[in-house]
Amino acid sequence: MDLIFRRACLTDEAPLMDVAISGGRFAAIAPGLPDTRASREVDADGRVLVPGLVESHLHLEKALVMERMPNRSGTLAEALTVSAALKPTFTREDIDARARRVLRMLVANGTTHVRAHAEFDPVQGFTGLDAVLALKREFRDVIDIQVVAFPQEGILKLPGMDAMMAQAMAKGADVVGAIPYNDSDAREHIAWVFRLAREHDKDLDFHQDFSDDAQGMSIEEVARQTIAAGYEGRVSVGHLTALGAVEPQRRDEIIALLRDAGISVMCLPATDLHLGGRQDRSNVRRALTPVRALRDGGVNVCLATNNIRNAFTPFGNGDLFQVAMLAVPACHLGGADDLATVLPMLTTNPARALRLPDYGIVVGREADCVLLDTRSVARAIIDLPVRKFVVKRGRVVAQSECTTEFCF
């Protein structure tokens, strides 16, 4: 064996397990493997071992630019203005350097897979997409990157953007991106990206209904076209904050439609809490997608970062556990029964959304895992534990220690 974690906690109910890894895969998992040896052995001493975290919605090429032109009002309108002004200044070298920093943040915090939305348009060209595609190839032994061809400025309203979307797929994008609310015709935008996705047999990921209010929502059209295209289980949507403003009966009908369409929903609390509810003068809304209602209605719900230190989200360090800690109070996930559903929103749920076929701590699967400095799965989120070892395909790619010496 190449690596063995001794006495690791996989669940709070089961005995401690020895987890052995060979050839980049989980080779044996048992309460004890006394006759098995490895070139490296780690005594977990009852600490929690979880599958690698999955960051299901992130913008690499726009990260770490907050100080260049701050969003002083904290509003979505100014975020869009600032972002539009900055994008033409991004060079390939600039994007590459910032994205590398973010990828290292992710890995240090236990992320082994990321879906990155890389935008392009006729003004800025493919600078960002090309940079992210190159990093995908370079970092493939450290973190898997799914690249989304993301049309931030729309498709129909921009001459030449349709050709660029097709070219992005030819360049190697893994997922067709979409943003119906930022185009001239939301319904036609949705139909157009479905045609492209079917042509290339690629999944779809929408920036969807990012608003405090429910007017002009197109999520039902996305769900209907998903079912019509036979794309159940292959479509994800991020934000979906407008659904939180829908009255309960209609909301539950929409949720049932999302469930039937197999659409995954990425809640993005860092961005949406920061930008949402800005026009409210009293009883300010949380402006988040209704996570508990979606979860209870059978929809696959994930928690993701979206942006790191830019005009849309002026904070963040690539730690999905901190994203989860934002969601725990904001989405009312702190009850004992609710808290148990949060860790899967960083692991198995986004793995399902990204359709990762080889995911999980199971014999024979790829050995992507994280040893947490906590001895309770139930408390794993709220402990905000140090990620002691991060393993990608059986190789330790990051390890951390944190010790405190009391002086009293």
Protein backbone atom coordinates (compact mmCIF):
# COMPACT_ATOMS: atom_id res chain seq x y z
CA MET A 1 0.00 0.00 0.00
CA ASP A 2 1.04 3.60 -0.59
CA LEU A 3 -0.82 5.22 2.30
CA ILE A 4 -2.90 4.05 5.27
CA PHE A 5 -4.98 6.17 7.61
CA ARG A 6 -5.21 4.23 10.86
CA ARG A 7 -8.22 4.55 13.17
CA ALA A 8 -10.14 7.08 11.10
CA CYS A 9 -13.73 8.10 11.85
CA LEU A 10 -15.93 7.72 8.76
CA THR A 11 -19.25 7.95 10.60
CA ASP A 12 -20.12 8.66 14.21
CA GLU A 13 -22.01 5.37 14.49
CA ALA A 14 -19.44 2.95 13.04
CA PRO A 15 -16.16 1.78 14.61
CA LEU A 16 -12.93 3.49 13.64
CA MET A 17 -11.55 2.29 10.33
CA ASP A 18 -8.19 1.71 8.72
CA VAL A 19 -8.31 3.13 5.20
CA ALA A 20 -5.66 1.84 2.82
CA ILE A 21 -4.77 3.42 -0.51
CA SER A 22 -2.85 1.90 -3.40
CA GLY A 23 -2.34 3.05 -6.97
CA GLY A 24 -4.41 6.16 -6.39
CA ARG A 25 -7.47 4.23 -5.23
CA PHE A 26 -9.02 3.07 -2.00
CA ALA A 27 -7.78 -0.51 -1.65
CA ALA A 28 -9.14 -1.64 1.71
CA ILE A 29 -11.39 -0.24 4.43
CA ALA A 30 -11.84 -2.21 7.64
CA PRO A 31 -11.97 -1.78 11.43
CA GLY A 32 -8.38 -3.00 11.44
CA LEU A 33 -5.77 -3.99 8.86
CA PRO A 34 -3.05 -5.38 11.16
CA ASP A 35 -1.29 -7.37 8.44
CA THR A 36 -1.23 -4.52 5.94
CA ARG A 37 1.64 -2.06 5.70
CA ALA A 38 2.21 1.07 3.64
CA SER A 39 5.11 3.32 2.73
CA ARG A 40 3.33 6.05 4.71
CA GLU A 41 0.99 5.51 7.62
CA VAL A 42 -0.97 8.21 9.45
CA ASP A 43 -2.55 7.63 12.84
CA ALA A 44 -5.85 9.48 12.55
CA ASP A 45 -6.50 8.79 16.23
CA GLY A 46 -10.26 8.97 15.76
CA ARG A 47 -10.25 12.05 13.56
CA VAL A 48 -12.83 12.39 10.79
CA LEU A 49 -11.96 11.34 7.25
CA VAL A 50 -14.30 12.70 4.57
CA PRO A 51 -14.30 12.56 0.77
CA GLY A 52 -12.63 15.51 -0.93
CA LEU A 53 -14.72 18.67 -0.86
CA VAL A 54 -16.40 19.69 -4.12
CA GLU A 55 -16.56 23.40 -5.02
CA SER A 56 -19.48 23.45 -7.43
CA HIS A 57 -19.62 27.11 -8.51
CA LEU A 58 -16.60 29.44 -8.67
CA HIS A 59 -15.17 32.20 -10.85
CA LEU A 60 -11.39 31.83 -10.95
CA GLU A 61 -10.51 34.53 -13.45
CA LYS A 62 -12.35 37.32 -11.55
CA ALA A 63 -10.92 36.51 -8.10
CA LEU A 64 -8.62 38.65 -5.93
CA VAL A 65 -9.21 42.00 -7.65
CA MET A 66 -11.18 43.78 -4.92
CA GLU A 67 -8.44 46.30 -4.13
CA ARG A 68 -8.02 47.40 -7.74
CA MET A 69 -11.46 49.01 -7.87
CA PRO A 70 -13.57 48.49 -4.73
CA ASN A 71 -17.35 48.22 -4.84
CA ARG A 72 -18.00 51.02 -2.35
CA SER A 73 -21.78 50.74 -2.21
CA GLY A 74 -21.84 46.94 -1.97
CA THR A 75 -24.66 46.78 -4.53
CA LEU A 76 -25.09 44.46 -7.49
CA ALA A 77 -25.35 47.46 -9.82
CA GLU A 78 -21.93 48.77 -8.79
CA ALA A 79 -20.48 45.24 -8.84
CA LEU A 80 -21.50 44.91 -12.49
CA THR A 81 -20.09 48.36 -13.32
CA VAL A 82 -16.78 47.67 -11.57
CA SER A 83 -16.44 44.23 -13.14
CA ALA A 84 -17.13 45.59 -16.63
CA ALA A 85 -14.45 48.27 -16.13
CA LEU A 86 -11.85 45.80 -14.84
CA LYS A 87 -12.29 42.93 -17.29
CA PRO A 88 -10.53 44.63 -20.25
CA THR A 89 -7.46 45.09 -18.03
CA PHE A 90 -7.07 41.37 -17.28
CA THR A 91 -4.10 39.87 -19.10
CA ARG A 92 -3.42 36.16 -19.48
CA GLU A 93 -0.52 36.44 -17.03
CA ASP A 94 -2.64 38.34 -14.51
CA ILE A 95 -5.47 35.80 -14.62
CA ASP A 96 -3.03 32.91 -14.40
CA ALA A 97 -1.30 34.32 -11.30
CA ARG A 98 -4.55 35.06 -9.43
CA ALA A 99 -6.21 31.77 -10.37
CA ARG A 100 -3.16 29.85 -9.14
CA ARG A 101 -3.46 31.54 -5.77
CA VAL A 102 -7.12 30.57 -5.57
CA LEU A 103 -6.44 26.96 -6.55
CA ARG A 104 -3.87 26.70 -3.77
CA MET A 105 -6.41 28.13 -1.31
CA LEU A 106 -8.93 25.52 -2.41
CA VAL A 107 -6.50 22.63 -2.10
CA ALA A 108 -5.24 23.74 1.30
CA ASN A 109 -8.85 23.79 2.50
CA GLY A 110 -9.62 20.29 1.28
CA THR A 111 -11.20 20.83 -2.14
CA THR A 112 -10.38 18.15 -4.70
CA HIS A 113 -12.88 19.12 -7.44
CA VAL A 114 -14.02 22.54 -8.67
CA ARG A 115 -16.46 23.68 -11.36
CA ALA A 116 -15.08 26.98 -12.68
CA HIS A 117 -17.22 29.40 -14.70
CA ALA A 118 -14.88 31.08 -17.19
CA GLU A 119 -16.39 34.00 -19.05
CA PHE A 120 -15.61 35.48 -22.44
CA ASP A 121 -17.16 37.88 -24.91
CA PRO A 122 -16.28 39.70 -28.15
CA VAL A 123 -14.57 42.54 -26.23
CA GLN A 124 -12.26 40.56 -23.95
CA GLY A 125 -11.94 37.48 -26.16
CA PHE A 126 -10.99 34.08 -24.72
CA THR A 127 -8.25 35.30 -22.37
CA GLY A 128 -9.92 33.98 -19.22
CA LEU A 129 -11.22 30.75 -20.71
CA ASP A 130 -7.84 29.89 -22.24
CA ALA A 131 -6.10 30.55 -18.92
CA VAL A 132 -8.48 28.34 -16.97
CA LEU A 133 -8.29 25.53 -19.55
CA ALA A 134 -4.50 25.59 -19.29
CA LEU A 135 -4.66 25.44 -15.49
CA LYS A 136 -7.05 22.51 -15.73
CA ARG A 137 -4.38 20.56 -17.60
CA GLU A 138 -1.53 21.67 -15.35
CA PHE A 139 -3.30 21.02 -12.02
CA ARG A 140 -5.00 17.74 -12.98
CA ASP A 141 -2.95 15.74 -10.44
CA VAL A 142 -3.81 18.20 -7.64
CA ILE A 143 -7.42 19.25 -8.26
CA ASP A 144 -9.92 18.36 -10.98
CA ILE A 145 -11.35 21.42 -12.75
CA GLN A 146 -14.58 21.33 -14.74
CA VAL A 147 -14.62 24.39 -17.00
CA VAL A 148 -17.94 26.10 -17.78
CA ALA A 149 -18.20 28.21 -20.94
CA PHE A 150 -19.93 31.16 -19.31
CA PRO A 151 -21.57 33.99 -21.34
CA GLN A 152 -21.74 36.63 -18.58
CA GLU A 153 -22.87 39.38 -20.95
CA GLY A 154 -25.49 37.27 -22.74
CA ILE A 155 -25.55 35.51 -26.10
CA LEU A 156 -28.40 36.75 -28.29
CA LYS A 157 -27.75 40.43 -27.70
CA LEU A 158 -24.03 40.25 -28.56
CA PRO A 159 -23.08 39.88 -32.23
CA GLY A 160 -20.66 37.00 -32.62
CA MET A 161 -21.28 35.52 -29.17
CA ASP A 162 -23.08 32.49 -30.57
CA ALA A 163 -19.99 31.59 -32.58
CA MET A 164 -17.79 32.14 -29.53
CA MET A 165 -19.91 29.73 -27.47
CA ALA A 166 -19.44 27.04 -30.11
CA GLN A 167 -15.73 27.82 -30.27
CA ALA A 168 -15.45 27.56 -26.48
CA MET A 169 -16.80 24.01 -26.64
CA ALA A 170 -14.33 23.18 -29.39
CA LYS A 171 -11.53 24.53 -27.18
CA GLY A 172 -12.40 21.98 -24.51
CA ALA A 173 -14.99 23.49 -22.17
CA ASP A 174 -16.69 20.75 -20.15
CA VAL A 175 -20.05 22.41 -19.45
CA VAL A 176 -22.32 24.85 -21.31
CA GLY A 177 -23.00 27.93 -19.18
CA ALA A 178 -26.03 30.20 -19.34
CA ILE A 179 -27.47 33.39 -17.84
CA PRO A 180 -31.05 33.88 -19.08
CA TYR A 181 -31.78 36.97 -16.99
CA ASN A 182 -28.98 38.92 -18.69
CA ASP A 183 -30.05 38.45 -22.29
CA SER A 184 -32.62 39.95 -24.63
CA ASP A 185 -34.95 36.94 -24.52
CA ALA A 186 -34.64 34.53 -21.59
CA ARG A 187 -36.70 31.77 -23.18
CA GLU A 188 -34.74 31.79 -26.43
CA HIS A 189 -31.46 31.99 -24.47
CA ILE A 190 -32.47 28.79 -22.64
CA ALA A 191 -33.45 27.04 -25.87
CA TRP A 192 -30.20 28.12 -27.52
CA VAL A 193 -27.91 26.72 -24.82
CA PHE A 194 -29.86 23.45 -24.74
CA ARG A 195 -29.26 23.07 -28.47
CA LEU A 196 -25.54 23.65 -27.97
CA ALA A 197 -25.37 21.24 -25.03
CA ARG A 198 -27.13 18.48 -26.96
CA GLU A 199 -24.91 19.04 -29.99
CA HIS A 200 -21.80 18.47 -27.85
CA ASP A 201 -23.35 16.08 -25.31
CA LYS A 202 -22.40 18.39 -22.43
CA ASP A 203 -24.10 19.25 -19.15
CA LEU A 204 -25.59 22.69 -18.48
CA ASP A 205 -25.03 25.15 -15.63
CA PHE A 206 -27.20 28.29 -15.34
CA HIS A 207 -26.76 31.52 -13.44
CA GLN A 208 -30.45 31.65 -12.66
CA ASP A 209 -33.00 34.20 -11.38
CA PHE A 210 -30.53 36.24 -9.36
CA SER A 211 -32.98 38.76 -7.90
CA ASP A 212 -34.64 39.70 -4.62
CA ASP A 213 -38.06 39.54 -6.26
CA ALA A 214 -39.97 36.90 -8.22
CA GLN A 215 -40.86 38.90 -11.33
CA GLY A 216 -39.53 37.55 -14.61
CA MET A 217 -38.36 34.19 -13.31
CA SER A 218 -37.42 31.62 -15.95
CA ILE A 219 -36.60 28.61 -13.78
CA GLU A 220 -39.81 26.81 -14.78
CA GLU A 221 -38.82 27.14 -18.44
CA VAL A 222 -35.38 25.70 -17.63
CA ALA A 223 -37.03 22.73 -15.90
CA ARG A 224 -39.50 22.14 -18.73
CA GLN A 225 -36.77 22.24 -21.37
CA THR A 226 -34.63 19.94 -19.22
CA ILE A 227 -37.35 17.31 -19.24
CA ALA A 228 -38.14 17.82 -22.94
CA ALA A 229 -34.45 17.36 -23.82
CA GLY A 230 -34.11 14.23 -21.67
CA TYR A 231 -31.49 16.09 -19.60
CA GLU A 232 -32.72 15.05 -16.16
CA GLY A 233 -29.74 15.01 -13.77
CA ARG A 234 -27.54 17.02 -16.14
CA VAL A 235 -28.57 20.59 -15.28
CA SER A 236 -27.50 22.82 -12.39
CA VAL A 237 -28.53 26.33 -11.44
CA GLY A 238 -26.70 28.82 -9.24
CA HIS A 239 -28.20 31.63 -7.15
CA LEU A 240 -31.96 31.08 -7.75
CA THR A 241 -32.53 33.72 -5.08
CA ALA A 242 -35.84 34.87 -6.60
CA LEU A 243 -37.41 31.59 -5.55
CA GLY A 244 -37.17 32.80 -1.96
CA ALA A 245 -39.68 35.56 -2.79
CA VAL A 246 -42.34 33.19 -4.17
CA GLU A 247 -45.40 32.45 -2.05
CA PRO A 248 -45.27 28.94 -0.51
CA GLN A 249 -47.78 27.10 -2.69
CA ARG A 250 -46.26 28.17 -5.99
CA ARG A 251 -42.75 27.77 -4.56
CA ASP A 252 -43.48 24.14 -3.70
CA GLU A 253 -44.91 23.52 -7.16
CA ILE A 254 -41.69 24.88 -8.71
CA ILE A 255 -39.61 22.76 -6.34
CA ALA A 256 -41.54 19.65 -7.39
CA LEU A 257 -40.80 20.53 -11.02
CA LEU A 258 -37.09 20.94 -10.22
CA ARG A 259 -37.10 17.57 -8.47
CA ASP A 260 -38.74 15.88 -11.45
CA ALA A 261 -36.21 17.50 -13.78
CA GLY A 262 -33.31 16.38 -11.59
CA ILE A 263 -31.96 19.94 -11.43
CA SER A 264 -29.31 20.66 -8.80
CA VAL A 265 -29.32 24.03 -7.02
CA MET A 266 -26.14 25.76 -5.87
CA CYS A 267 -26.79 28.17 -2.99
CA LEU A 268 -24.13 30.90 -2.95
CA PRO A 269 -24.51 32.50 0.50
CA ALA A 270 -21.36 34.65 0.54
CA THR A 271 -22.35 36.59 -2.57
CA ASP A 272 -26.11 36.51 -2.16
CA LEU A 273 -26.13 37.65 1.47
CA HIS A 274 -23.70 40.43 0.58
CA LEU A 275 -25.62 41.76 -2.44
CA GLY A 276 -29.20 40.80 -1.63
CA GLY A 277 -31.84 42.88 0.08
CA ARG A 278 -30.00 46.15 -0.57
CA GLN A 279 -33.20 48.03 -1.41
CA ASP A 280 -35.05 46.87 1.70
CA ARG A 281 -35.42 49.61 4.29
CA SER A 282 -36.81 47.43 7.07
CA ASN A 283 -37.11 43.71 7.76
CA VAL A 284 -34.20 43.22 5.34
CA ARG A 285 -34.42 39.92 3.48
CA ARG A 286 -31.74 37.28 3.52
CA ALA A 287 -32.24 37.02 -0.26
CA LEU A 288 -31.16 33.38 -0.49
CA THR A 289 -32.64 30.47 -2.34
CA PRO A 290 -34.91 28.51 0.05
CA VAL A 291 -32.45 25.75 0.93
CA ARG A 292 -34.61 23.86 3.43
CA ALA A 293 -37.67 23.84 1.20
CA LEU A 294 -35.59 22.67 -1.76
CA ARG A 295 -33.91 19.97 0.31
CA ASP A 296 -37.17 18.77 1.84
CA GLY A 297 -38.76 18.76 -1.62
CA GLY A 298 -36.20 16.29 -2.94
CA VAL A 299 -33.93 18.70 -4.82
CA ASN A 300 -30.17 18.15 -4.76
CA VAL A 301 -28.83 21.24 -2.93
CA CYS A 302 -25.18 22.31 -2.81
CA LEU A 303 -23.29 25.12 -1.10
CA ALA A 304 -20.64 26.96 -3.12
CA THR A 305 -18.41 30.03 -3.05
CA ASN A 306 -19.11 31.88 -6.34
CA ASN A 307 -16.58 34.72 -5.98
CA ILE A 308 -13.52 35.47 -3.86
CA ARG A 309 -12.52 39.06 -3.05
CA ASN A 310 -13.95 40.99 -5.94
CA ALA A 311 -16.77 43.46 -6.54
CA PHE A 312 -19.42 40.77 -6.06
CA THR A 313 -17.95 39.23 -2.90
CA PRO A 314 -15.25 41.25 -1.12
CA PHE A 315 -14.13 38.39 1.16
CA GLY A 316 -13.43 34.66 1.13
CA ASN A 317 -10.42 32.37 1.30
CA GLY A 318 -11.48 29.28 -0.60
CA ASP A 319 -12.77 27.48 2.51
CA LEU A 320 -16.07 25.72 1.85
CA PHE A 321 -16.53 25.13 5.58
CA GLN A 322 -16.74 28.89 6.10
CA VAL A 323 -19.30 29.08 3.30
CA ALA A 324 -21.27 26.40 5.14
CA MET A 325 -21.05 28.35 8.39
CA LEU A 326 -22.65 31.31 6.62
CA ALA A 327 -25.45 29.06 5.45
CA VAL A 328 -26.08 27.41 8.82
CA PRO A 329 -27.69 30.47 10.45
CA ALA A 330 -28.81 32.23 7.26
CA CYS A 331 -30.68 29.18 5.92
CA HIS A 332 -31.83 27.94 9.36
CA LEU A 333 -29.68 24.82 9.18
CA GLY A 334 -28.52 24.85 12.79
CA GLY A 335 -31.09 22.46 14.23
CA ALA A 336 -29.70 19.04 15.10
CA ASP A 337 -31.52 17.32 12.23
CA ASP A 338 -30.72 20.10 9.78
CA LEU A 339 -27.03 20.32 10.67
CA ALA A 340 -26.52 16.71 9.61
CA THR A 341 -27.54 17.67 6.06
CA VAL A 342 -24.92 20.41 5.66
CA LEU A 343 -21.70 18.41 5.17
CA PRO A 344 -23.22 16.49 2.22
CA MET A 345 -23.88 19.88 0.58
CA LEU A 346 -20.07 20.20 0.27
CA THR A 347 -19.34 16.58 -0.66
CA THR A 348 -21.80 14.02 -2.00
CA ASN A 349 -24.43 16.50 -3.22
CA PRO A 350 -22.09 18.54 -5.46
CA ALA A 351 -20.39 15.32 -6.56
CA ARG A 352 -23.82 14.22 -7.79
CA ALA A 353 -24.40 17.59 -9.47
CA LEU A 354 -21.04 17.42 -11.26
CA ARG A 355 -21.72 13.76 -12.08
CA LEU A 356 -18.43 12.54 -10.61
CA PRO A 357 -18.55 8.78 -11.26
CA ASP A 358 -15.64 7.74 -9.05
CA TYR A 359 -16.37 9.73 -5.89
CA GLY A 360 -16.51 8.67 -2.25
CA ILE A 361 -14.57 6.66 0.31
CA VAL A 362 -15.39 3.28 -1.19
CA VAL A 363 -13.01 0.47 -2.12
CA GLY A 364 -12.05 0.76 -5.78
CA ARG A 365 -12.81 4.45 -6.15
CA GLU A 366 -10.33 7.28 -6.61
CA ALA A 367 -8.67 8.13 -3.31
CA ASP A 368 -9.67 11.76 -2.83
CA CYS A 369 -10.13 12.50 0.87
CA VAL A 370 -9.48 14.95 3.69
CA LEU A 371 -8.50 14.23 7.29
CA LEU A 372 -10.18 16.78 9.57
CA ASP A 373 -8.90 17.77 12.99
CA THR A 374 -12.17 16.85 14.70
CA ARG A 375 -13.45 13.58 16.08
CA SER A 376 -17.13 14.06 15.32
CA VAL A 377 -18.81 13.98 11.91
CA ALA A 378 -21.83 15.72 13.45
CA ARG A 379 -19.64 18.63 14.57
CA ALA A 380 -17.38 18.70 11.53
CA ILE A 381 -18.88 21.89 10.08
CA ILE A 382 -19.21 23.91 13.27
CA ASP A 383 -15.74 22.92 14.53
CA LEU A 384 -14.20 24.55 11.44
CA PRO A 385 -11.40 21.99 11.75
CA VAL A 386 -7.92 22.21 10.33
CA ARG A 387 -7.58 20.13 7.17
CA LYS A 388 -4.66 18.00 8.40
CA PHE A 389 -4.16 15.95 5.23
CA VAL A 390 -5.59 16.52 1.77
CA VAL A 391 -5.24 13.55 -0.57
CA LYS A 392 -5.78 13.60 -4.34
CA ARG A 393 -5.74 10.24 -6.15
CA GLY A 394 -3.82 8.71 -3.28
CA ARG A 395 -1.15 11.41 -3.03
CA VAL A 396 -0.91 13.90 -0.18
CA VAL A 397 -1.17 17.30 -1.85
CA ALA A 398 -1.45 19.44 1.29
CA GLN A 399 -1.02 19.02 5.02
CA SER A 400 -1.47 21.46 7.87
CA GLU A 401 -0.86 21.68 11.58
CA CYS A 402 -2.27 24.12 14.08
CA THR A 403 -1.18 24.08 17.69
CA THR A 404 -1.99 26.41 20.56
CA GLU A 405 0.20 26.93 23.58
CA PHE A 406 -1.65 28.49 26.51
CA CYS A 407 0.22 31.19 28.41
CA PHE A 408 -1.90 31.33 31.55
